[in-house]
Amino acid sequence: MKNLKKVTSLILTGMLCAALAACGKAKEENNAVFTPDNENTTVVGQETSSVQEGAEGGYKNDVAVADIEAAVVQALGENYWPQAEFDSLESLEITSDLYEEFLYKVPMINVNVDTLIVIKAVEGKEAEVEEKLNQFRDRNINELMQYPMNLPKIQCSQVQVFGNYVVFVQFGADEASKAIQAAEAEGKNLTEDELAKLEMDVINEQNEIALEAIKNVLAK
């Protein structure tokens, strides 16, 4: 019964993440969701697409992707899990004519799904790269529905564009479970809805920390 309750709460978390992504202006087909300052992300179905108003002065186009990762690592600290690096973007169906440089990292242990993808797109190809990353995100959602423990992070993942750079963030580490344990230690008897919301909030917070770090290192 306890396991069933946990699975149910995880599924609710995924649903709440999707709901958060769809909230915003009522009666509009494309609804705004929270993103870092000066950014507006809209959701169409399960896809996220970013319309960047840009930092003051715009974004740099000469930052190495390794330096962008370093900023995320510094921001997340021990909550940065990706260590294994891909040497190709073939699995994302992104061909070499679309990018100048990239970084694609996942955890060493494949049961974890925390992921960072940073792609410096060829000028004028940003939208195509963004579309490919959204397709990747949708495939993850569809293929991993059978693994409820991964649903919250996958549903809350984001694709963002910062000038020539297109990024995919899917973070959370085990901060959600820590938050739940802390609440239980304080004697809080969380309902399934409260449990799902707590997990969603913590996961989104980790993604927002990463996105803010990326924005800061790229801002002129």
C-alpha atoms as a PDB file:
ATOM      1  CA  MET A   1       0.000   0.000   0.000  1.00  0.00           C
ATOM      2  CA  LYS A   2       2.885   2.321   0.886  1.00  0.00           C
ATOM      3  CA  ASN A   3       4.565   1.611  -2.465  1.00  0.00           C
ATOM      4  CA  LEU A   4       1.295   2.232  -4.279  1.00  0.00           C
ATOM      5  CA  LYS A   5       0.966   5.586  -2.501  1.00  0.00           C
ATOM      6  CA  LYS A   6       4.530   6.518  -3.530  1.00  0.00           C
ATOM      7  CA  VAL A   7       3.927   5.588  -7.186  1.00  0.00           C
ATOM      8  CA  THR A   8       0.671   7.538  -7.177  1.00  0.00           C
ATOM      9  CA  SER A   9       2.377  10.606  -5.725  1.00  0.00           C
ATOM     10  CA  LEU A  10       5.165  10.452  -8.300  1.00  0.00           C
ATOM     11  CA  ILE A  11       2.665  10.278 -11.134  1.00  0.00           C
ATOM     12  CA  LEU A  12       0.841  13.252  -9.623  1.00  0.00           C
ATOM     13  CA  THR A  13       4.141  15.126  -9.525  1.00  0.00           C
ATOM     14  CA  GLY A  14       4.610  14.602 -13.241  1.00  0.00           C
ATOM     15  CA  MET A  15       1.065  15.747 -13.879  1.00  0.00           C
ATOM     16  CA  LEU A  16       1.615  18.852 -11.749  1.00  0.00           C
ATOM     17  CA  CYS A  17       4.810  19.701 -13.608  1.00  0.00           C
ATOM     18  CA  ALA A  18       2.917  19.506 -16.874  1.00  0.00           C
ATOM     19  CA  ALA A  19       0.134  21.593 -15.347  1.00  0.00           C
ATOM     20  CA  LEU A  20       2.619  24.216 -14.177  1.00  0.00           C
ATOM     21  CA  ALA A  21       4.044  24.391 -17.672  1.00  0.00           C
ATOM     22  CA  ALA A  22       0.545  24.994 -19.008  1.00  0.00           C
ATOM     23  CA  CYS A  23      -0.552  27.634 -16.511  1.00  0.00           C
ATOM     24  CA  GLY A  24      -0.543  31.347 -17.138  1.00  0.00           C
ATOM     25  CA  LYS A  25      -2.828  33.518 -19.222  1.00  0.00           C
ATOM     26  CA  ALA A  26      -6.275  31.981 -19.320  1.00  0.00           C
ATOM     27  CA  LYS A  27      -8.063  31.210 -22.570  1.00  0.00           C
ATOM     28  CA  GLU A  28      -4.849  31.397 -24.599  1.00  0.00           C
ATOM     29  CA  GLU A  29      -3.580  28.494 -26.665  1.00  0.00           C
ATOM     30  CA  ASN A  30       0.063  29.131 -25.730  1.00  0.00           C
ATOM     31  CA  ASN A  31       0.416  29.851 -22.028  1.00  0.00           C
ATOM     32  CA  ALA A  32       3.353  31.478 -20.244  1.00  0.00           C
ATOM     33  CA  VAL A  33       5.252  29.699 -17.462  1.00  0.00           C
ATOM     34  CA  PHE A  34       7.900  30.921 -15.034  1.00  0.00           C
ATOM     35  CA  THR A  35      11.429  31.201 -16.357  1.00  0.00           C
ATOM     36  CA  PRO A  36      14.470  33.266 -15.293  1.00  0.00           C
ATOM     37  CA  ASP A  37      14.208  37.072 -15.578  1.00  0.00           C
ATOM     38  CA  ASN A  38      13.496  38.505 -19.034  1.00  0.00           C
ATOM     39  CA  GLU A  39      12.568  35.127 -20.507  1.00  0.00           C
ATOM     40  CA  ASN A  40       9.179  33.912 -21.647  1.00  0.00           C
ATOM     41  CA  THR A  41       8.621  30.219 -22.220  1.00  0.00           C
ATOM     42  CA  THR A  42       5.484  28.952 -23.874  1.00  0.00           C
ATOM     43  CA  VAL A  43       4.161  25.421 -23.987  1.00  0.00           C
ATOM     44  CA  VAL A  44       2.499  23.831 -26.988  1.00  0.00           C
ATOM     45  CA  GLY A  45       1.355  20.356 -26.049  1.00  0.00           C
ATOM     46  CA  GLN A  46       4.373  18.855 -24.302  1.00  0.00           C
ATOM     47  CA  GLU A  47       6.960  20.980 -26.070  1.00  0.00           C
ATOM     48  CA  THR A  48       8.681  23.940 -24.447  1.00  0.00           C
ATOM     49  CA  SER A  49       9.924  26.733 -26.620  1.00  0.00           C
ATOM     50  CA  SER A  50      11.680  29.838 -25.383  1.00  0.00           C
ATOM     51  CA  VAL A  51      11.317  33.342 -26.690  1.00  0.00           C
ATOM     52  CA  GLN A  52      14.248  35.258 -25.283  1.00  0.00           C
ATOM     53  CA  GLU A  53      13.884  38.955 -24.617  1.00  0.00           C
ATOM     54  CA  GLY A  54      17.557  38.737 -23.734  1.00  0.00           C
ATOM     55  CA  ALA A  55      19.753  40.069 -20.994  1.00  0.00           C
ATOM     56  CA  GLU A  56      20.596  43.755 -21.038  1.00  0.00           C
ATOM     57  CA  GLY A  57      23.045  44.092 -23.917  1.00  0.00           C
ATOM     58  CA  GLY A  58      22.183  40.644 -25.281  1.00  0.00           C
ATOM     59  CA  TYR A  59      24.188  37.432 -25.018  1.00  0.00           C
ATOM     60  CA  LYS A  60      27.786  36.565 -25.807  1.00  0.00           C
ATOM     61  CA  ASN A  61      28.514  34.210 -28.700  1.00  0.00           C
ATOM     62  CA  ASP A  62      32.088  33.292 -27.824  1.00  0.00           C
ATOM     63  CA  VAL A  63      31.708  31.333 -24.572  1.00  0.00           C
ATOM     64  CA  ALA A  64      33.002  27.754 -24.563  1.00  0.00           C
ATOM     65  CA  VAL A  65      30.356  25.164 -23.676  1.00  0.00           C
ATOM     66  CA  ALA A  66      32.741  23.818 -21.001  1.00  0.00           C
ATOM     67  CA  ASP A  67      32.650  27.226 -19.315  1.00  0.00           C
ATOM     68  CA  ILE A  68      28.866  27.164 -19.357  1.00  0.00           C
ATOM     69  CA  GLU A  69      28.901  23.756 -17.684  1.00  0.00           C
ATOM     70  CA  ALA A  70      31.384  25.057 -15.101  1.00  0.00           C
ATOM     71  CA  ALA A  71      28.922  27.812 -14.174  1.00  0.00           C
ATOM     72  CA  VAL A  72      26.148  25.238 -13.686  1.00  0.00           C
ATOM     73  CA  VAL A  73      28.436  23.002 -11.609  1.00  0.00           C
ATOM     74  CA  GLN A  74      29.327  25.940  -9.371  1.00  0.00           C
ATOM     75  CA  ALA A  75      25.660  26.875  -8.962  1.00  0.00           C
ATOM     76  CA  LEU A  76      24.367  23.376  -8.190  1.00  0.00           C
ATOM     77  CA  GLY A  77      27.363  22.073  -6.260  1.00  0.00           C
ATOM     78  CA  GLU A  78      26.879  18.484  -5.097  1.00  0.00           C
ATOM     79  CA  ASN A  79      23.501  18.466  -6.836  1.00  0.00           C
ATOM     80  CA  TYR A  80      25.205  18.399 -10.228  1.00  0.00           C
ATOM     81  CA  TRP A  81      25.216  14.716 -11.198  1.00  0.00           C
ATOM     82  CA  PRO A  82      26.051  14.490 -14.953  1.00  0.00           C
ATOM     83  CA  GLN A  83      29.555  13.039 -15.434  1.00  0.00           C
ATOM     84  CA  ALA A  84      29.388  10.771 -18.502  1.00  0.00           C
ATOM     85  CA  GLU A  85      29.864  12.710 -21.737  1.00  0.00           C
ATOM     86  CA  PHE A  86      28.484  11.859 -25.185  1.00  0.00           C
ATOM     87  CA  ASP A  87      30.795  12.480 -28.137  1.00  0.00           C
ATOM     88  CA  SER A  88      27.953  12.748 -30.646  1.00  0.00           C
ATOM     89  CA  LEU A  89      24.490  14.254 -31.005  1.00  0.00           C
ATOM     90  CA  GLU A  90      23.267  11.506 -33.333  1.00  0.00           C
ATOM     91  CA  SER A  91      20.862  10.174 -30.705  1.00  0.00           C
ATOM     92  CA  LEU A  92      19.233  13.618 -30.687  1.00  0.00           C
ATOM     93  CA  GLU A  93      19.033  13.643 -34.503  1.00  0.00           C
ATOM     94  CA  ILE A  94      21.096  16.849 -34.543  1.00  0.00           C
ATOM     95  CA  THR A  95      23.499  16.893 -37.479  1.00  0.00           C
ATOM     96  CA  SER A  96      26.902  18.602 -37.527  1.00  0.00           C
ATOM     97  CA  ASP A  97      25.700  21.345 -39.897  1.00  0.00           C
ATOM     98  CA  LEU A  98      23.474  22.694 -37.111  1.00  0.00           C
ATOM     99  CA  TYR A  99      26.092  23.365 -34.443  1.00  0.00           C
ATOM    100  CA  GLU A 100      29.590  24.682 -33.809  1.00  0.00           C
ATOM    101  CA  GLU A 101      30.187  23.069 -30.427  1.00  0.00           C
ATOM    102  CA  PHE A 102      28.250  21.017 -27.896  1.00  0.00           C
ATOM    103  CA  LEU A 103      28.293  19.380 -24.484  1.00  0.00           C
ATOM    104  CA  TYR A 104      25.964  16.486 -23.629  1.00  0.00           C
ATOM    105  CA  LYS A 105      26.324  14.904 -20.201  1.00  0.00           C
ATOM    106  CA  VAL A 106      24.345  12.410 -18.118  1.00  0.00           C
ATOM    107  CA  PRO A 107      25.053  10.623 -14.812  1.00  0.00           C
ATOM    108  CA  MET A 108      27.376   7.613 -14.716  1.00  0.00           C
ATOM    109  CA  ILE A 109      24.550   5.560 -13.189  1.00  0.00           C
ATOM    110  CA  ASN A 110      21.828   5.199 -15.804  1.00  0.00           C
ATOM    111  CA  VAL A 111      19.017   4.945 -13.253  1.00  0.00           C
ATOM    112  CA  ASN A 112      19.501   8.693 -12.721  1.00  0.00           C
ATOM    113  CA  VAL A 113      18.207  11.011 -15.435  1.00  0.00           C
ATOM    114  CA  ASP A 114      19.808  14.372 -14.547  1.00  0.00           C
ATOM    115  CA  THR A 115      21.039  15.804 -17.860  1.00  0.00           C
ATOM    116  CA  LEU A 116      22.758  18.893 -19.245  1.00  0.00           C
ATOM    117  CA  ILE A 117      22.905  19.615 -22.972  1.00  0.00           C
ATOM    118  CA  VAL A 118      24.506  22.832 -24.208  1.00  0.00           C
ATOM    119  CA  ILE A 119      24.660  23.424 -27.962  1.00  0.00           C
ATOM    120  CA  LYS A 120      26.199  26.420 -29.665  1.00  0.00           C
ATOM    121  CA  ALA A 121      24.103  26.551 -32.807  1.00  0.00           C
ATOM    122  CA  VAL A 122      25.268  27.779 -36.176  1.00  0.00           C
ATOM    123  CA  GLU A 123      23.887  31.289 -36.622  1.00  0.00           C
ATOM    124  CA  GLY A 124      20.350  31.050 -37.948  1.00  0.00           C
ATOM    125  CA  LYS A 125      19.973  27.400 -36.904  1.00  0.00           C
ATOM    126  CA  GLU A 126      18.920  28.025 -33.312  1.00  0.00           C
ATOM    127  CA  ALA A 127      15.250  27.242 -33.956  1.00  0.00           C
ATOM    128  CA  GLU A 128      16.084  23.926 -35.624  1.00  0.00           C
ATOM    129  CA  VAL A 129      18.266  22.868 -32.709  1.00  0.00           C
ATOM    130  CA  GLU A 130      15.586  23.949 -30.264  1.00  0.00           C
ATOM    131  CA  GLU A 131      13.000  21.873 -32.113  1.00  0.00           C
ATOM    132  CA  LYS A 132      15.258  18.807 -32.005  1.00  0.00           C
ATOM    133  CA  LEU A 133      15.748  19.168 -28.261  1.00  0.00           C
ATOM    134  CA  ASN A 134      12.010  19.483 -27.734  1.00  0.00           C
ATOM    135  CA  GLN A 135      11.503  16.330 -29.770  1.00  0.00           C
ATOM    136  CA  PHE A 136      14.096  14.616 -27.566  1.00  0.00           C
ATOM    137  CA  ARG A 137      12.212  15.793 -24.490  1.00  0.00           C
ATOM    138  CA  ASP A 138       8.917  14.467 -25.842  1.00  0.00           C
ATOM    139  CA  ARG A 139      10.482  11.081 -26.624  1.00  0.00           C
ATOM    140  CA  ASN A 140      11.743  10.857 -23.058  1.00  0.00           C
ATOM    141  CA  ILE A 141       8.277  11.604 -21.706  1.00  0.00           C
ATOM    142  CA  ASN A 142       6.653   9.005 -23.943  1.00  0.00           C
ATOM    143  CA  GLU A 143       9.267   6.276 -23.495  1.00  0.00           C
ATOM    144  CA  LEU A 144       9.773   6.573 -19.748  1.00  0.00           C
ATOM    145  CA  MET A 145       6.163   6.767 -18.629  1.00  0.00           C
ATOM    146  CA  GLN A 146       6.572   3.209 -17.314  1.00  0.00           C
ATOM    147  CA  TYR A 147       9.195   4.395 -14.794  1.00  0.00           C
ATOM    148  CA  PRO A 148       7.305   6.649 -12.353  1.00  0.00           C
ATOM    149  CA  MET A 149      10.437   7.478 -10.343  1.00  0.00           C
ATOM    150  CA  ASN A 150      11.788   9.426 -13.331  1.00  0.00           C
ATOM    151  CA  LEU A 151       8.591  11.194 -14.334  1.00  0.00           C
ATOM    152  CA  PRO A 152       8.918  14.322 -12.166  1.00  0.00           C
ATOM    153  CA  LYS A 153      12.355  15.284 -13.509  1.00  0.00           C
ATOM    154  CA  ILE A 154      11.442  14.452 -17.099  1.00  0.00           C
ATOM    155  CA  GLN A 155       8.164  16.368 -16.994  1.00  0.00           C
ATOM    156  CA  CYS A 156       9.898  19.389 -15.427  1.00  0.00           C
ATOM    157  CA  SER A 157      12.817  19.473 -17.882  1.00  0.00           C
ATOM    158  CA  GLN A 158      13.232  22.649 -19.926  1.00  0.00           C
ATOM    159  CA  VAL A 159      14.636  23.752 -23.279  1.00  0.00           C
ATOM    160  CA  GLN A 160      15.882  27.346 -23.400  1.00  0.00           C
ATOM    161  CA  VAL A 161      17.628  29.561 -25.941  1.00  0.00           C
ATOM    162  CA  PHE A 162      20.241  32.164 -24.974  1.00  0.00           C
ATOM    163  CA  GLY A 163      21.348  33.889 -28.162  1.00  0.00           C
ATOM    164  CA  ASN A 164      23.225  31.260 -30.205  1.00  0.00           C
ATOM    165  CA  TYR A 165      23.147  28.730 -27.368  1.00  0.00           C
ATOM    166  CA  VAL A 166      20.354  26.196 -26.945  1.00  0.00           C
ATOM    167  CA  VAL A 167      20.255  24.286 -23.671  1.00  0.00           C
ATOM    168  CA  PHE A 168      18.357  21.380 -22.163  1.00  0.00           C
ATOM    169  CA  VAL A 169      18.261  21.098 -18.382  1.00  0.00           C
ATOM    170  CA  GLN A 170      16.898  18.177 -16.392  1.00  0.00           C
ATOM    171  CA  PHE A 171      18.038  18.415 -12.795  1.00  0.00           C
ATOM    172  CA  GLY A 172      16.830  17.714  -9.283  1.00  0.00           C
ATOM    173  CA  ALA A 173      19.409  15.317  -7.769  1.00  0.00           C
ATOM    174  CA  ASP A 174      17.754  13.780  -4.681  1.00  0.00           C
ATOM    175  CA  GLU A 175      16.660  17.090  -3.224  1.00  0.00           C
ATOM    176  CA  ALA A 176      12.976  16.186  -3.505  1.00  0.00           C
ATOM    177  CA  SER A 177      13.378  13.052  -1.395  1.00  0.00           C
ATOM    178  CA  LYS A 178      15.391  15.045   1.162  1.00  0.00           C
ATOM    179  CA  ALA A 179      12.626  17.642   1.359  1.00  0.00           C
ATOM    180  CA  ILE A 180      10.012  14.922   1.868  1.00  0.00           C
ATOM    181  CA  GLN A 181      12.074  13.252   4.587  1.00  0.00           C
ATOM    182  CA  ALA A 182      12.555  16.591   6.317  1.00  0.00           C
ATOM    183  CA  ALA A 183       8.805  17.259   6.243  1.00  0.00           C
ATOM    184  CA  GLU A 184       8.072  13.827   7.656  1.00  0.00           C
ATOM    185  CA  ALA A 185      10.704  14.312  10.382  1.00  0.00           C
ATOM    186  CA  GLU A 186       8.874  17.490  11.378  1.00  0.00           C
ATOM    187  CA  GLY A 187       5.724  15.429  11.798  1.00  0.00           C
ATOM    188  CA  LYS A 188       3.972  16.781   8.729  1.00  0.00           C
ATOM    189  CA  ASN A 189       1.437  14.344   7.309  1.00  0.00           C
ATOM    190  CA  LEU A 190       1.508  15.314   3.631  1.00  0.00           C
ATOM    191  CA  THR A 191      -1.365  14.441   1.355  1.00  0.00           C
ATOM    192  CA  GLU A 192      -0.589  12.977  -2.068  1.00  0.00           C
ATOM    193  CA  ASP A 193      -1.232  16.360  -3.684  1.00  0.00           C
ATOM    194  CA  GLU A 194       1.037  18.142  -1.195  1.00  0.00           C
ATOM    195  CA  LEU A 195       3.745  15.526  -1.698  1.00  0.00           C
ATOM    196  CA  ALA A 196       3.578  15.906  -5.470  1.00  0.00           C
ATOM    197  CA  LYS A 197       3.685  19.710  -5.246  1.00  0.00           C
ATOM    198  CA  LEU A 198       6.682  19.624  -2.912  1.00  0.00           C
ATOM    199  CA  GLU A 199       8.615  17.392  -5.317  1.00  0.00           C
ATOM    200  CA  MET A 200       7.673  19.583  -8.273  1.00  0.00           C
ATOM    201  CA  ASP A 201       8.742  22.773  -6.496  1.00  0.00           C
ATOM    202  CA  VAL A 202      12.139  21.360  -5.523  1.00  0.00           C
ATOM    203  CA  ILE A 203      12.877  19.990  -9.006  1.00  0.00           C
ATOM    204  CA  ASN A 204      11.861  23.240 -10.694  1.00  0.00           C
ATOM    205  CA  GLU A 205      14.043  25.178  -8.264  1.00  0.00           C
ATOM    206  CA  GLN A 206      17.103  23.131  -9.291  1.00  0.00           C
ATOM    207  CA  ASN A 207      16.401  23.726 -12.992  1.00  0.00           C
ATOM    208  CA  GLU A 208      15.924  27.441 -12.399  1.00  0.00           C
ATOM    209  CA  ILE A 209      19.249  27.651 -10.546  1.00  0.00           C
ATOM    210  CA  ALA A 210      20.981  26.054 -13.543  1.00  0.00           C
ATOM    211  CA  LEU A 211      19.247  28.303 -16.071  1.00  0.00           C
ATOM    212  CA  GLU A 212      20.073  31.428 -14.093  1.00  0.00           C
ATOM    213  CA  ALA A 213      23.740  30.388 -13.965  1.00  0.00           C
ATOM    214  CA  ILE A 214      23.761  29.877 -17.729  1.00  0.00           C
ATOM    215  CA  LYS A 215      22.108  33.211 -18.337  1.00  0.00           C
ATOM    216  CA  ASN A 216      24.616  35.004 -16.113  1.00  0.00           C
ATOM    217  CA  VAL A 217      27.687  33.522 -17.793  1.00  0.00           C
ATOM    218  CA  LEU A 218      26.344  34.382 -21.261  1.00  0.00           C
ATOM    219  CA  ALA A 219      25.003  37.855 -20.519  1.00  0.00           C
ATOM    220  CA  LYS A 220      27.087  40.700 -21.982  1.00  0.00           C
END
